[in-house]
């Protein structure tokens, strides 16, 4: 078992975030020019779930990551566990 990840507040009054989060750009797949190429969605779901199992409590995603595909995969991965994680979605534009 790994030790618990330390947490720090986001800003002066924000939620407590683990010092390590999960960036979801790569799991968006190959739908944009600046993508990471093809990804296996089942492996991506397993990766997100493993991060949660290991104590990560925040995920960064954005509509541009795979033109929304990343958010779909993150949604699949956190289904039933949404209360455990903060999903940060960056606004477009």
PDB file of N, CA and C in Angstrom:
ATOM      1  N   UNK A   1       0.842  -1.188   0.000  1.00  0.00           N
ATOM      2  CA  UNK A   1       0.000   0.000   0.000  1.00  0.00           C
ATOM      3  C   UNK A   1       0.883   1.245   0.000  1.00  0.00           C
ATOM      4  N   UNK A   2       0.496   2.192  -0.835  1.00  0.00           N
ATOM      5  CA  UNK A   2       1.260   3.429  -0.890  1.00  0.00           C
ATOM      6  C   UNK A   2       0.760   4.389   0.195  1.00  0.00           C
ATOM      7  N   UNK A   3       1.634   5.265   0.677  1.00  0.00           N
ATOM      8  CA  UNK A   3       1.186   6.230   1.680  1.00  0.00           C
ATOM      9  C   UNK A   3       0.186   7.208   1.071  1.00  0.00           C
ATOM     10  N   UNK A   4      -0.649   7.794   1.898  1.00  0.00           N
ATOM     11  CA  UNK A   4      -1.635   8.768   1.441  1.00  0.00           C
ATOM     12  C   UNK A   4      -0.935   9.966   0.803  1.00  0.00           C
ATOM     13  N   UNK A   5      -1.491  10.439  -0.292  1.00  0.00           N
ATOM     14  CA  UNK A   5      -0.939  11.627  -0.940  1.00  0.00           C
ATOM     15  C   UNK A   5      -1.239  12.854  -0.096  1.00  0.00           C
ATOM     16  N   UNK A   6      -0.262  13.728   0.072  1.00  0.00           N
ATOM     17  CA  UNK A   6      -0.532  14.959   0.805  1.00  0.00           C
ATOM     18  C   UNK A   6      -1.521  15.825   0.024  1.00  0.00           C
ATOM     19  N   UNK A   7      -2.245  16.669   0.743  1.00  0.00           N
ATOM     20  CA  UNK A   7      -3.203  17.584   0.127  1.00  0.00           C
ATOM     21  C   UNK A   7      -2.873  19.012   0.519  1.00  0.00           C
ATOM     22  N   UNK A   8      -3.254  19.914  -0.372  1.00  0.00           N
ATOM     23  CA  UNK A   8      -3.085  21.346  -0.108  1.00  0.00           C
ATOM     24  C   UNK A   8      -4.343  22.061  -0.586  1.00  0.00           C
ATOM     25  N   UNK A   9      -4.675  23.190   0.040  1.00  0.00           N
ATOM     26  CA  UNK A   9      -5.867  23.914  -0.405  1.00  0.00           C
ATOM     27  C   UNK A   9      -5.628  24.597  -1.753  1.00  0.00           C
ATOM     28  N   UNK A  10      -6.664  24.653  -2.550  1.00  0.00           N
ATOM     29  CA  UNK A  10      -6.622  25.398  -3.805  1.00  0.00           C
ATOM     30  C   UNK A  10      -7.032  26.828  -3.482  1.00  0.00           C
ATOM     31  N   UNK A  11      -6.077  27.729  -3.499  1.00  0.00           N
ATOM     32  CA  UNK A  11      -6.363  29.109  -3.128  1.00  0.00           C
ATOM     33  C   UNK A  11      -6.569  29.238  -1.631  1.00  0.00           C
ATOM     34  N   UNK A  12      -7.115  30.364  -1.243  1.00  0.00           N
ATOM     35  CA  UNK A  12      -7.296  30.645   0.185  1.00  0.00           C
ATOM     36  C   UNK A  12      -8.414  29.827   0.819  1.00  0.00           C
ATOM     37  N   UNK A  13      -9.453  29.527   0.058  1.00  0.00           N
ATOM     38  CA  UNK A  13     -10.621  28.871   0.638  1.00  0.00           C
ATOM     39  C   UNK A  13     -11.098  27.700  -0.212  1.00  0.00           C
ATOM     40  N   UNK A  14     -10.267  27.264  -1.120  1.00  0.00           N
ATOM     41  CA  UNK A  14     -10.676  26.222  -2.047  1.00  0.00           C
ATOM     42  C   UNK A  14     -10.641  24.829  -1.456  1.00  0.00           C
ATOM     43  N   UNK A  15     -11.021  23.870  -2.258  1.00  0.00           N
ATOM     44  CA  UNK A  15     -11.016  22.485  -1.797  1.00  0.00           C
ATOM     45  C   UNK A  15      -9.596  21.972  -1.590  1.00  0.00           C
ATOM     46  N   UNK A  16      -9.452  20.928  -0.823  1.00  0.00           N
ATOM     47  CA  UNK A  16      -8.167  20.285  -0.612  1.00  0.00           C
ATOM     48  C   UNK A  16      -7.878  19.354  -1.789  1.00  0.00           C
ATOM     49  N   UNK A  17      -6.794  19.627  -2.496  1.00  0.00           N
ATOM     50  CA  UNK A  17      -6.394  18.813  -3.635  1.00  0.00           C
ATOM     51  C   UNK A  17      -5.128  18.038  -3.294  1.00  0.00           C
ATOM     52  N   UNK A  18      -5.040  16.818  -3.807  1.00  0.00           N
ATOM     53  CA  UNK A  18      -3.796  16.073  -3.660  1.00  0.00           C
ATOM     54  C   UNK A  18      -2.711  16.791  -4.451  1.00  0.00           C
ATOM     55  N   UNK A  19      -1.469  16.657  -3.996  1.00  0.00           N
ATOM     56  CA  UNK A  19      -0.369  17.336  -4.677  1.00  0.00           C
ATOM     57  C   UNK A  19      -0.086  16.737  -6.052  1.00  0.00           C
ATOM     58  N   UNK A  20      -0.662  15.592  -6.330  1.00  0.00           N
ATOM     59  CA  UNK A  20      -0.564  14.956  -7.643  1.00  0.00           C
ATOM     60  C   UNK A  20      -1.980  14.814  -8.183  1.00  0.00           C
ATOM     61  N   UNK A  21      -2.174  15.225  -9.431  1.00  0.00           N
ATOM     62  CA  UNK A  21      -3.461  15.054 -10.093  1.00  0.00           C
ATOM     63  C   UNK A  21      -3.259  14.245 -11.360  1.00  0.00           C
ATOM     64  N   UNK A  22      -4.320  14.092 -12.122  1.00  0.00           N
ATOM     65  CA  UNK A  22      -4.240  13.358 -13.378  1.00  0.00           C
ATOM     66  C   UNK A  22      -4.673  14.271 -14.514  1.00  0.00           C
ATOM     67  N   UNK A  23      -3.781  14.483 -15.465  1.00  0.00           N
ATOM     68  CA  UNK A  23      -4.102  15.241 -16.663  1.00  0.00           C
ATOM     69  C   UNK A  23      -4.689  14.306 -17.717  1.00  0.00           C
ATOM     70  N   UNK A  24      -5.803  14.692 -18.318  1.00  0.00           N
ATOM     71  CA  UNK A  24      -6.532  13.805 -19.216  1.00  0.00           C
ATOM     72  C   UNK A  24      -6.403  14.178 -20.695  1.00  0.00           C
ATOM     73  N   UNK A  25      -5.416  14.965 -21.050  1.00  0.00           N
ATOM     74  CA  UNK A  25      -5.249  15.362 -22.451  1.00  0.00           C
ATOM     75  C   UNK A  25      -5.048  14.147 -23.341  1.00  0.00           C
ATOM     76  N   UNK A  26      -4.135  13.278 -22.969  1.00  0.00           N
ATOM     77  CA  UNK A  26      -3.791  12.142 -23.822  1.00  0.00           C
ATOM     78  C   UNK A  26      -4.967  11.199 -24.063  1.00  0.00           C
ATOM     79  N   UNK A  27      -5.849  11.031 -23.102  1.00  0.00           N
ATOM     80  CA  UNK A  27      -6.942  10.076 -23.288  1.00  0.00           C
ATOM     81  C   UNK A  27      -8.016  10.586 -24.236  1.00  0.00           C
ATOM     82  N   UNK A  28      -7.866  11.817 -24.713  1.00  0.00           N
ATOM     83  CA  UNK A  28      -8.806  12.354 -25.697  1.00  0.00           C
ATOM     84  C   UNK A  28      -8.707  11.673 -27.041  1.00  0.00           C
ATOM     85  N   UNK A  29      -7.568  11.031 -27.296  1.00  0.00           N
ATOM     86  CA  UNK A  29      -7.413  10.309 -28.558  1.00  0.00           C
ATOM     87  C   UNK A  29      -6.958  11.202 -29.706  1.00  0.00           C
ATOM     88  N   UNK A  30      -7.110  10.713 -30.938  1.00  0.00           N
ATOM     89  CA  UNK A  30      -6.484  11.336 -32.102  1.00  0.00           C
ATOM     90  C   UNK A  30      -7.346  12.335 -32.872  1.00  0.00           C
ATOM     91  N   UNK A  31      -8.333  12.953 -32.260  1.00  0.00           N
ATOM     92  CA  UNK A  31      -9.255  13.768 -33.044  1.00  0.00           C
ATOM     93  C   UNK A  31      -8.782  15.181 -33.364  1.00  0.00           C
ATOM     94  N   UNK A  32      -7.631  15.594 -32.846  1.00  0.00           N
ATOM     95  CA  UNK A  32      -7.098  16.920 -33.171  1.00  0.00           C
ATOM     96  C   UNK A  32      -5.653  16.800 -33.624  1.00  0.00           C
ATOM     97  N   UNK A  33      -5.175  17.824 -34.297  1.00  0.00           N
ATOM     98  CA  UNK A  33      -3.812  17.826 -34.823  1.00  0.00           C
ATOM     99  C   UNK A  33      -2.771  17.682 -33.719  1.00  0.00           C
ATOM    100  N   UNK A  34      -3.002  18.301 -32.585  1.00  0.00           N
ATOM    101  CA  UNK A  34      -2.024  18.263 -31.494  1.00  0.00           C
ATOM    102  C   UNK A  34      -2.334  17.167 -30.467  1.00  0.00           C
ATOM    103  N   UNK A  35      -2.951  16.085 -30.928  1.00  0.00           N
ATOM    104  CA  UNK A  35      -3.309  14.999 -30.015  1.00  0.00           C
ATOM    105  C   UNK A  35      -2.122  14.079 -29.756  1.00  0.00           C
ATOM    106  N   UNK A  36      -2.349  13.132 -28.873  1.00  0.00           N
ATOM    107  CA  UNK A  36      -1.342  12.140 -28.519  1.00  0.00           C
ATOM    108  C   UNK A  36      -1.487  10.880 -29.364  1.00  0.00           C
ATOM    109  N   UNK A  37      -2.420  10.876 -30.310  1.00  0.00           N
ATOM    110  CA  UNK A  37      -2.626   9.710 -31.156  1.00  0.00           C
ATOM    111  C   UNK A  37      -3.644   8.762 -30.563  1.00  0.00           C
ATOM    112  N   UNK A  38      -3.841   7.632 -31.236  1.00  0.00           N
ATOM    113  CA  UNK A  38      -4.863   6.675 -30.788  1.00  0.00           C
ATOM    114  C   UNK A  38      -4.599   6.180 -29.367  1.00  0.00           C
ATOM    115  N   UNK A  39      -5.677   6.036 -28.614  1.00  0.00           N
ATOM    116  CA  UNK A  39      -5.604   5.530 -27.242  1.00  0.00           C
ATOM    117  C   UNK A  39      -6.640   4.421 -27.075  1.00  0.00           C
ATOM    118  N   UNK A  40      -6.383   3.516 -26.196  1.00  0.00           N
ATOM    119  CA  UNK A  40      -7.335   2.455 -25.868  1.00  0.00           C
ATOM    120  C   UNK A  40      -8.222   2.969 -24.737  1.00  0.00           C
ATOM    121  N   UNK A  41      -9.504   3.159 -25.026  1.00  0.00           N
ATOM    122  CA  UNK A  41     -10.415   3.741 -24.029  1.00  0.00           C
ATOM    123  C   UNK A  41     -10.497   2.909 -22.757  1.00  0.00           C
ATOM    124  N   UNK A  42     -10.457   1.595 -22.876  1.00  0.00           N
ATOM    125  CA  UNK A  42     -10.523   0.748 -21.679  1.00  0.00           C
ATOM    126  C   UNK A  42      -9.282   0.928 -20.804  1.00  0.00           C
ATOM    127  N   UNK A  43      -8.129   1.094 -21.436  1.00  0.00           N
ATOM    128  CA  UNK A  43      -6.890   1.352 -20.678  1.00  0.00           C
ATOM    129  C   UNK A  43      -6.976   2.735 -20.014  1.00  0.00           C
ATOM    130  N   UNK A  44      -7.541   3.693 -20.721  1.00  0.00           N
ATOM    131  CA  UNK A  44      -7.701   5.032 -20.150  1.00  0.00           C
ATOM    132  C   UNK A  44      -8.614   5.006 -18.931  1.00  0.00           C
ATOM    133  N   UNK A  45      -9.741   4.293 -19.025  1.00  0.00           N
ATOM    134  CA  UNK A  45     -10.649   4.163 -17.890  1.00  0.00           C
ATOM    135  C   UNK A  45      -9.931   3.505 -16.718  1.00  0.00           C
ATOM    136  N   UNK A  46      -9.193   2.438 -16.999  1.00  0.00           N
ATOM    137  CA  UNK A  46      -8.448   1.740 -15.938  1.00  0.00           C
ATOM    138  C   UNK A  46      -7.409   2.660 -15.302  1.00  0.00           C
ATOM    139  N   UNK A  47      -6.784   3.509 -16.098  1.00  0.00           N
ATOM    140  CA  UNK A  47      -5.780   4.443 -15.581  1.00  0.00           C
ATOM    141  C   UNK A  47      -6.410   5.445 -14.623  1.00  0.00           C
ATOM    142  N   UNK A  48      -7.544   6.008 -15.022  1.00  0.00           N
ATOM    143  CA  UNK A  48      -8.235   6.962 -14.148  1.00  0.00           C
ATOM    144  C   UNK A  48      -8.648   6.279 -12.846  1.00  0.00           C
ATOM    145  N   UNK A  49      -9.208   5.089 -12.957  1.00  0.00           N
ATOM    146  CA  UNK A  49      -9.641   4.372 -11.750  1.00  0.00           C
ATOM    147  C   UNK A  49      -8.464   4.026 -10.853  1.00  0.00           C
ATOM    148  N   UNK A  50      -7.339   3.678 -11.445  1.00  0.00           N
ATOM    149  CA  UNK A  50      -6.148   3.378 -10.643  1.00  0.00           C
ATOM    150  C   UNK A  50      -5.664   4.626  -9.919  1.00  0.00           C
ATOM    151  N   UNK A  51      -5.700   5.761 -10.601  1.00  0.00           N
ATOM    152  CA  UNK A  51      -5.306   7.013  -9.946  1.00  0.00           C
ATOM    153  C   UNK A  51      -6.204   7.282  -8.736  1.00  0.00           C
ATOM    154  N   UNK A  52      -7.514   7.066  -8.882  1.00  0.00           N
ATOM    155  CA  UNK A  52      -8.428   7.255  -7.753  1.00  0.00           C
ATOM    156  C   UNK A  52      -8.121   6.261  -6.637  1.00  0.00           C
ATOM    157  N   UNK A  53      -7.869   5.004  -7.024  1.00  0.00           N
ATOM    158  CA  UNK A  53      -7.524   3.987  -6.021  1.00  0.00           C
ATOM    159  C   UNK A  53      -6.266   4.368  -5.245  1.00  0.00           C
ATOM    160  N   UNK A  54      -5.339   5.031  -5.935  1.00  0.00           N
ATOM    161  CA  UNK A  54      -4.079   5.436  -5.305  1.00  0.00           C
ATOM    162  C   UNK A  54      -4.181   6.757  -4.554  1.00  0.00           C
ATOM    163  N   UNK A  55      -5.370   7.360  -4.532  1.00  0.00           N
ATOM    164  CA  UNK A  55      -5.585   8.547  -3.706  1.00  0.00           C
ATOM    165  C   UNK A  55      -5.655   9.868  -4.434  1.00  0.00           C
ATOM    166  N   UNK A  56      -5.430   9.896  -5.740  1.00  0.00           N
ATOM    167  CA  UNK A  56      -5.550  11.150  -6.486  1.00  0.00           C
ATOM    168  C   UNK A  56      -6.994  11.622  -6.384  1.00  0.00           C
ATOM    169  N   UNK A  57      -7.188  12.925  -6.118  1.00  0.00           N
ATOM    170  CA  UNK A  57      -8.560  13.401  -5.966  1.00  0.00           C
ATOM    171  C   UNK A  57      -8.938  14.510  -6.949  1.00  0.00           C
ATOM    172  N   UNK A  58      -8.115  14.724  -7.985  1.00  0.00           N
ATOM    173  CA  UNK A  58      -8.518  15.707  -8.998  1.00  0.00           C
ATOM    174  C   UNK A  58      -7.994  15.312 -10.370  1.00  0.00           C
ATOM    175  N   UNK A  59      -8.806  15.648 -11.366  1.00  0.00           N
ATOM    176  CA  UNK A  59      -8.500  15.342 -12.756  1.00  0.00           C
ATOM    177  C   UNK A  59      -8.684  16.616 -13.567  1.00  0.00           C
ATOM    178  N   UNK A  60      -7.717  16.892 -14.426  1.00  0.00           N
ATOM    179  CA  UNK A  60      -7.794  18.035 -15.329  1.00  0.00           C
ATOM    180  C   UNK A  60      -8.259  17.544 -16.694  1.00  0.00           C
ATOM    181  N   UNK A  61      -9.307  18.156 -17.214  1.00  0.00           N
ATOM    182  CA  UNK A  61      -9.745  17.872 -18.576  1.00  0.00           C
ATOM    183  C   UNK A  61     -10.249  19.179 -19.187  1.00  0.00           C
ATOM    184  N   UNK A  62     -10.551  19.134 -20.463  1.00  0.00           N
ATOM    185  CA  UNK A  62     -11.060  20.314 -21.166  1.00  0.00           C
ATOM    186  C   UNK A  62     -11.779  19.850 -22.426  1.00  0.00           C
ATOM    187  N   UNK A  63     -12.767  20.629 -22.893  1.00  0.00           N
ATOM    188  CA  UNK A  63     -13.499  20.241 -24.093  1.00  0.00           C
ATOM    189  C   UNK A  63     -12.611  20.018 -25.321  1.00  0.00           C
ATOM    190  N   UNK A  64     -11.490  20.671 -25.391  1.00  0.00           N
ATOM    191  CA  UNK A  64     -10.608  20.536 -26.550  1.00  0.00           C
ATOM    192  C   UNK A  64      -9.859  19.201 -26.558  1.00  0.00           C
ATOM    193  N   UNK A  65      -9.739  18.541 -25.416  1.00  0.00           N
ATOM    194  CA  UNK A  65      -9.035  17.257 -25.350  1.00  0.00           C
ATOM    195  C   UNK A  65      -9.857  16.191 -26.065  1.00  0.00           C
ATOM    196  N   UNK A  66      -9.504  15.946 -27.306  1.00  0.00           N
ATOM    197  CA  UNK A  66     -10.239  14.959 -28.100  1.00  0.00           C
ATOM    198  C   UNK A  66     -11.621  15.437 -28.474  1.00  0.00           C
ATOM    199  N   UNK A  67     -11.805  16.755 -28.495  1.00  0.00           N
ATOM    200  CA  UNK A  67     -13.105  17.349 -28.827  1.00  0.00           C
ATOM    201  C   UNK A  67     -14.221  16.760 -27.959  1.00  0.00           C
ATOM    202  N   UNK A  68     -13.929  16.608 -26.672  1.00  0.00           N
ATOM    203  CA  UNK A  68     -14.900  16.112 -25.699  1.00  0.00           C
ATOM    204  C   UNK A  68     -14.751  14.644 -25.359  1.00  0.00           C
ATOM    205  N   UNK A  69     -13.945  13.926 -26.134  1.00  0.00           N
ATOM    206  CA  UNK A  69     -13.798  12.492 -25.871  1.00  0.00           C
ATOM    207  C   UNK A  69     -13.157  12.228 -24.505  1.00  0.00           C
ATOM    208  N   UNK A  70     -12.187  13.042 -24.137  1.00  0.00           N
ATOM    209  CA  UNK A  70     -11.545  12.891 -22.833  1.00  0.00           C
ATOM    210  C   UNK A  70     -12.581  12.987 -21.710  1.00  0.00           C
ATOM    211  N   UNK A  71     -13.489  13.949 -21.824  1.00  0.00           N
ATOM    212  CA  UNK A  71     -14.506  14.106 -20.790  1.00  0.00           C
ATOM    213  C   UNK A  71     -15.438  12.897 -20.738  1.00  0.00           C
ATOM    214  N   UNK A  72     -15.748  12.320 -21.892  1.00  0.00           N
ATOM    215  CA  UNK A  72     -16.585  11.119 -21.920  1.00  0.00           C
ATOM    216  C   UNK A  72     -15.891   9.968 -21.200  1.00  0.00           C
ATOM    217  N   UNK A  73     -14.609   9.803 -21.445  1.00  0.00           N
ATOM    218  CA  UNK A  73     -13.845   8.716 -20.818  1.00  0.00           C
ATOM    219  C   UNK A  73     -13.721   8.960 -19.319  1.00  0.00           C
ATOM    220  N   UNK A  74     -13.421  10.192 -18.926  1.00  0.00           N
ATOM    221  CA  UNK A  74     -13.344  10.510 -17.499  1.00  0.00           C
ATOM    222  C   UNK A  74     -14.696  10.237 -16.844  1.00  0.00           C
ATOM    223  N   UNK A  75     -15.788  10.617 -17.489  1.00  0.00           N
ATOM    224  CA  UNK A  75     -17.123  10.350 -16.955  1.00  0.00           C
ATOM    225  C   UNK A  75     -17.365   8.865 -16.754  1.00  0.00           C
ATOM    226  N   UNK A  76     -16.970   8.066 -17.735  1.00  0.00           N
ATOM    227  CA  UNK A  76     -17.100   6.612 -17.602  1.00  0.00           C
ATOM    228  C   UNK A  76     -16.293   6.100 -16.419  1.00  0.00           C
ATOM    229  N   UNK A  77     -15.090   6.623 -16.290  1.00  0.00           N
ATOM    230  CA  UNK A  77     -14.174   6.136 -15.256  1.00  0.00           C
ATOM    231  C   UNK A  77     -14.630   6.484 -13.850  1.00  0.00           C
ATOM    232  N   UNK A  78     -15.226   7.650 -13.672  1.00  0.00           N
ATOM    233  CA  UNK A  78     -15.599   8.078 -12.318  1.00  0.00           C
ATOM    234  C   UNK A  78     -17.040   7.722 -11.981  1.00  0.00           C
ATOM    235  N   UNK A  79     -17.741   7.073 -12.898  1.00  0.00           N
ATOM    236  CA  UNK A  79     -19.124   6.668 -12.635  1.00  0.00           C
ATOM    237  C   UNK A  79     -19.186   5.856 -11.327  1.00  0.00           C
ATOM    238  N   UNK A  80     -20.056   6.264 -10.452  1.00  0.00           N
ATOM    239  CA  UNK A  80     -20.183   5.612  -9.151  1.00  0.00           C
ATOM    240  C   UNK A  80     -19.167   6.076  -8.122  1.00  0.00           C
ATOM    241  N   UNK A  81     -18.216   6.896  -8.557  1.00  0.00           N
ATOM    242  CA  UNK A  81     -17.168   7.380  -7.646  1.00  0.00           C
ATOM    243  C   UNK A  81     -17.040   8.903  -7.718  1.00  0.00           C
ATOM    244  N   UNK A  82     -18.010   9.551  -8.322  1.00  0.00           N
ATOM    245  CA  UNK A  82     -17.926  10.991  -8.567  1.00  0.00           C
ATOM    246  C   UNK A  82     -17.670  11.776  -7.286  1.00  0.00           C
ATOM    247  N   UNK A  83     -18.171  11.283  -6.174  1.00  0.00           N
ATOM    248  CA  UNK A  83     -17.996  11.956  -4.885  1.00  0.00           C
ATOM    249  C   UNK A  83     -16.530  11.960  -4.417  1.00  0.00           C
ATOM    250  N   UNK A  84     -15.690  11.158  -5.046  1.00  0.00           N
ATOM    251  CA  UNK A  84     -14.291  11.045  -4.637  1.00  0.00           C
ATOM    252  C   UNK A  84     -13.360  12.014  -5.358  1.00  0.00           C
ATOM    253  N   UNK A  85     -13.850  12.697  -6.387  1.00  0.00           N
ATOM    254  CA  UNK A  85     -12.933  13.404  -7.270  1.00  0.00           C
ATOM    255  C   UNK A  85     -13.461  14.771  -7.679  1.00  0.00           C
ATOM    256  N   UNK A  86     -12.538  15.693  -7.854  1.00  0.00           N
ATOM    257  CA  UNK A  86     -12.842  17.015  -8.404  1.00  0.00           C
ATOM    258  C   UNK A  86     -12.391  16.969  -9.852  1.00  0.00           C
ATOM    259  N   UNK A  87     -13.319  17.244 -10.764  1.00  0.00           N
ATOM    260  CA  UNK A  87     -12.987  17.260 -12.183  1.00  0.00           C
ATOM    261  C   UNK A  87     -12.941  18.715 -12.610  1.00  0.00           C
ATOM    262  N   UNK A  88     -11.754  19.166 -13.018  1.00  0.00           N
ATOM    263  CA  UNK A  88     -11.567  20.542 -13.452  1.00  0.00           C
ATOM    264  C   UNK A  88     -11.684  20.628 -14.960  1.00  0.00           C
ATOM    265  N   UNK A  89     -12.699  21.318 -15.414  1.00  0.00           N
ATOM    266  CA  UNK A  89     -12.905  21.504 -16.855  1.00  0.00           C
ATOM    267  C   UNK A  89     -12.590  22.950 -17.192  1.00  0.00           C
ATOM    268  N   UNK A  90     -11.609  23.133 -18.064  1.00  0.00           N
ATOM    269  CA  UNK A  90     -11.230  24.473 -18.478  1.00  0.00           C
ATOM    270  C   UNK A  90     -12.240  24.990 -19.490  1.00  0.00           C
ATOM    271  N   UNK A  91     -12.646  26.247 -19.359  1.00  0.00           N
ATOM    272  CA  UNK A  91     -13.595  26.798 -20.335  1.00  0.00           C
ATOM    273  C   UNK A  91     -12.949  26.982 -21.702  1.00  0.00           C
ATOM    274  N   UNK A  92     -13.739  26.852 -22.759  1.00  0.00           N
ATOM    275  CA  UNK A  92     -13.238  27.097 -24.102  1.00  0.00           C
ATOM    276  C   UNK A  92     -13.265  28.587 -24.386  1.00  0.00           C
ATOM    277  N   UNK A  93     -12.365  28.987 -25.305  1.00  0.00           N
ATOM    278  CA  UNK A  93     -12.381  30.359 -25.791  1.00  0.00           C
ATOM    279  C   UNK A  93     -11.613  31.243 -24.926  1.00  0.00           C
TER     280      UNK A  93
END
